Amino acid sequence: MAHEHPTRLSRRGMFQLMTGRPPDADAEAAPSQAAAWLDKGREAFLAGDMEEAARQLRLWLRPTPGDDEARMLLGQALYAMGRHVQALVEFERVARRNAGHPAGLFLCLCRLRVGRTAKAVEAYAAWADAAPQAPDGPAMAALRDHLAAHIEAVAADPGQGARVASLLEQALESRQGLAADPPNREAQA
């Protein structure tokens, strides 16, 4: 009589087995190891090591894909490395789940950086419509009002995308907890 053993492999691990590669050991780690990935990712981000931060945060997000705080940090690390398309994907995931979340602004920023101004304006509009209902409503409403004319300008003239992206970066950097770049940005330039 054959005994069936439940497999604990992820889809990725199963695919790796099917292609003749051993599954990632990281994917099957204990929960305590998974928590260490989050801590290491945060530490690396604060130290300005965006590559390591992204690697650790991706490991953490495999078993915990709904952790929006970690996903935001991953997006910020990717953005800081100039990986705007990858960052865009992370911010979009958070913005879809949380109307009015600052992820909507980061999504707008990434879309401006990759030249998708019409989509950037859409992301801003979605964020602006919901931002006053966010817990930090008054500050977000002030930010919305500050950025509105610039977003209108880029909607009328997509050639202003880089200028508006720089203004949006500055606005995000000036808000505690919303920094678009790593703490030691000058050292990486």
Protein backbone atom coordinates (compact mmCIF):
# COMPACT_ATOMS: atom_id res chain seq x y z
CA MET A 1 0.00 0.00 0.00
CA ALA A 2 1.49 3.31 -1.10
CA HIS A 3 1.52 6.14 1.35
CA GLU A 4 0.93 9.60 0.02
CA HIS A 5 3.05 12.29 1.58
CA PRO A 6 1.84 15.83 1.28
CA THR A 7 4.40 17.94 -0.47
CA ARG A 8 5.40 21.26 0.96
CA LEU A 9 6.98 22.57 -2.22
CA SER A 10 5.87 25.84 -3.70
CA ARG A 11 4.85 26.03 -7.33
CA ARG A 12 8.29 27.44 -8.05
CA GLY A 13 9.93 24.48 -6.28
CA MET A 14 7.79 22.02 -8.24
CA PHE A 15 8.74 23.72 -11.50
CA GLN A 16 12.40 23.56 -10.54
CA LEU A 17 12.10 19.83 -9.86
CA MET A 18 10.36 19.29 -13.20
CA THR A 19 13.20 21.06 -15.01
CA GLY A 20 15.84 18.99 -13.25
CA ARG A 21 16.99 21.62 -10.75
CA PRO A 22 16.78 21.27 -7.00
CA PRO A 23 14.16 23.51 -5.38
CA ASP A 24 15.36 26.65 -3.65
CA ALA A 25 16.22 25.86 -0.08
CA ASP A 26 15.02 29.33 0.90
CA ALA A 27 11.47 28.59 -0.20
CA GLU A 28 11.16 25.79 2.36
CA ALA A 29 12.75 27.55 5.32
CA ALA A 30 11.25 27.65 8.78
CA PRO A 31 9.04 30.60 9.76
CA SER A 32 11.80 31.94 12.04
CA GLN A 33 14.12 32.11 9.03
CA ALA A 34 11.39 33.90 7.06
CA ALA A 35 11.09 36.56 9.77
CA ALA A 36 14.86 37.02 9.60
CA TRP A 37 14.52 37.86 5.89
CA LEU A 38 12.26 40.78 6.74
CA ASP A 39 14.63 42.04 9.44
CA LYS A 40 17.65 41.67 7.17
CA GLY A 41 15.80 43.41 4.34
CA ARG A 42 14.96 46.38 6.55
CA GLU A 43 18.51 46.56 7.90
CA ALA A 44 20.01 46.43 4.41
CA PHE A 45 17.63 49.15 3.22
CA LEU A 46 18.56 51.44 6.11
CA ALA A 47 22.25 50.74 5.44
CA GLY A 48 21.78 51.72 1.78
CA ASP A 49 22.42 48.21 0.38
CA MET A 50 19.47 48.13 -1.99
CA GLU A 51 20.53 44.90 -3.76
CA GLU A 52 20.61 42.98 -0.48
CA ALA A 53 17.42 44.66 0.72
CA ALA A 54 15.60 43.61 -2.45
CA ARG A 55 16.93 40.04 -2.21
CA GLN A 56 15.89 39.64 1.43
CA LEU A 57 12.50 41.30 0.98
CA ARG A 58 11.70 39.07 -2.02
CA LEU A 59 12.48 36.02 0.12
CA TRP A 60 10.13 37.36 2.81
CA LEU A 61 7.37 38.14 0.33
CA ARG A 62 7.27 34.60 -1.09
CA PRO A 63 5.47 33.17 1.95
CA THR A 64 3.84 36.50 2.92
CA PRO A 65 2.72 38.17 -0.33
CA GLY A 66 0.16 40.36 1.44
CA ASP A 67 2.71 42.29 3.53
CA ASP A 68 2.21 45.72 1.98
CA GLU A 69 4.79 47.40 4.20
CA ALA A 70 7.49 45.00 2.99
CA ARG A 71 6.28 45.35 -0.60
CA MET A 72 6.56 49.14 -0.32
CA LEU A 73 10.09 48.83 1.00
CA LEU A 74 10.96 46.46 -1.86
CA GLY A 75 9.51 48.94 -4.35
CA GLN A 76 11.54 51.76 -2.82
CA ALA A 77 14.72 49.68 -2.97
CA LEU A 78 14.08 48.81 -6.61
CA TYR A 79 13.32 52.44 -7.41
CA ALA A 80 16.55 53.56 -5.71
CA MET A 81 18.46 51.12 -7.95
CA GLY A 82 16.84 52.61 -11.03
CA ARG A 83 14.67 49.55 -11.66
CA HIS A 84 11.58 51.62 -12.25
CA VAL A 85 9.52 48.97 -14.05
CA GLN A 86 10.09 46.41 -11.28
CA ALA A 87 9.31 49.03 -8.63
CA LEU A 88 6.17 49.99 -10.54
CA VAL A 89 4.90 46.41 -10.25
CA GLU A 90 5.37 46.39 -6.47
CA PHE A 91 3.70 49.76 -5.95
CA GLU A 92 0.82 48.80 -8.22
CA ARG A 93 0.10 45.70 -6.11
CA VAL A 94 -0.17 47.79 -2.96
CA ALA A 95 -2.14 50.62 -4.60
CA ARG A 96 -4.72 48.17 -5.96
CA ARG A 97 -5.40 46.81 -2.48
CA ASN A 98 -5.33 50.15 -0.65
CA ALA A 99 -7.00 53.19 -2.18
CA GLY A 100 -5.33 56.39 -1.06
CA HIS A 101 -2.15 54.62 0.05
CA PRO A 102 1.13 56.43 -0.73
CA ALA A 103 1.85 53.54 -3.10
CA GLY A 104 -0.37 55.39 -5.57
CA LEU A 105 2.06 58.30 -5.58
CA PHE A 106 5.03 56.00 -6.02
CA LEU A 107 3.17 54.29 -8.86
CA CYS A 108 2.65 57.69 -10.46
CA LEU A 109 6.34 58.46 -10.00
CA CYS A 110 7.48 55.20 -11.59
CA ARG A 111 5.15 55.65 -14.52
CA LEU A 112 6.54 59.15 -15.07
CA ARG A 113 10.08 57.75 -14.98
CA VAL A 114 9.31 55.15 -17.64
CA GLY A 115 7.53 57.67 -19.87
CA ARG A 116 3.96 56.49 -19.33
CA THR A 117 2.53 59.90 -18.52
CA ALA A 118 -1.11 59.11 -19.25
CA LYS A 119 -0.96 56.12 -16.88
CA ALA A 120 0.89 58.29 -14.34
CA VAL A 121 -1.94 60.81 -14.42
CA GLU A 122 -4.43 57.95 -13.89
CA ALA A 123 -2.45 56.68 -10.89
CA TYR A 124 -2.34 60.17 -9.41
CA ALA A 125 -6.08 60.68 -9.94
CA ALA A 126 -6.88 57.34 -8.26
CA TRP A 127 -4.68 58.26 -5.31
CA ALA A 128 -6.00 61.83 -5.08
CA ASP A 129 -9.63 60.69 -5.07
CA ALA A 130 -9.00 58.43 -2.07
CA ALA A 131 -6.19 60.23 -0.20
CA PRO A 132 -8.39 62.46 2.01
CA GLN A 133 -9.94 59.32 3.51
CA ALA A 134 -6.51 58.01 4.52
CA PRO A 135 -5.51 58.17 8.22
CA ASP A 136 -3.12 61.03 7.43
CA GLY A 137 -5.91 62.85 5.57
CA PRO A 138 -4.98 66.53 6.12
CA ALA A 139 -1.31 66.01 5.19
CA MET A 140 -2.27 63.95 2.16
CA ALA A 141 -4.83 66.56 1.09
CA ALA A 142 -2.13 69.24 1.29
CA LEU A 143 0.20 67.09 -0.79
CA ARG A 144 -2.59 66.47 -3.28
CA ASP A 145 -3.21 70.21 -3.62
CA HIS A 146 0.52 70.89 -3.99
CA LEU A 147 0.89 68.35 -6.82
CA ALA A 148 -2.38 68.95 -8.69
CA ALA A 149 -1.15 71.76 -10.96
CA HIS A 150 1.99 69.81 -11.84
CA ILE A 151 -0.01 66.72 -12.75
CA GLU A 152 -2.31 68.85 -14.90
CA ALA A 153 0.77 70.26 -16.64
CA VAL A 154 2.15 66.81 -17.42
CA ALA A 155 -1.29 65.73 -18.66
CA ALA A 156 -1.28 68.65 -21.10
CA ASP A 157 2.41 68.25 -22.05
CA PRO A 158 3.89 64.75 -21.54
CA GLY A 159 7.34 66.25 -22.20
CA GLN A 160 7.24 67.60 -18.64
CA GLY A 161 7.27 64.09 -17.20
CA ALA A 162 10.88 64.21 -15.93
CA ARG A 163 10.35 67.62 -14.30
CA VAL A 164 7.17 66.50 -12.57
CA ALA A 165 8.82 63.24 -11.51
CA SER A 166 11.61 65.24 -9.84
CA LEU A 167 9.04 67.39 -8.03
CA LEU A 168 7.14 64.32 -6.91
CA GLU A 169 10.38 62.74 -5.65
CA GLN A 170 11.10 65.87 -3.63
CA ALA A 171 7.59 65.88 -2.19
CA LEU A 172 7.89 62.22 -1.18
CA GLU A 173 11.34 62.77 0.34
CA SER A 174 10.03 65.65 2.44
CA ARG A 175 7.38 63.43 4.04
CA GLN A 176 8.69 61.26 6.88
CA GLY A 177 8.23 57.58 6.07
CA LEU A 178 7.71 58.20 2.38
CA ALA A 179 11.30 58.57 1.18
CA ALA A 180 11.63 57.56 -2.45
CA ASP A 181 15.39 57.05 -2.21
CA PRO A 182 17.72 55.38 0.28
CA PRO A 183 18.99 57.41 3.23
CA ASN A 184 22.46 57.83 1.69
CA ARG A 185 21.36 58.79 -1.80
CA GLU A 186 24.36 61.08 -2.39
CA ALA A 187 26.80 58.26 -1.67
CA GLN A 188 25.28 56.15 -4.44
CA ALA A 189 25.19 58.90 -7.06
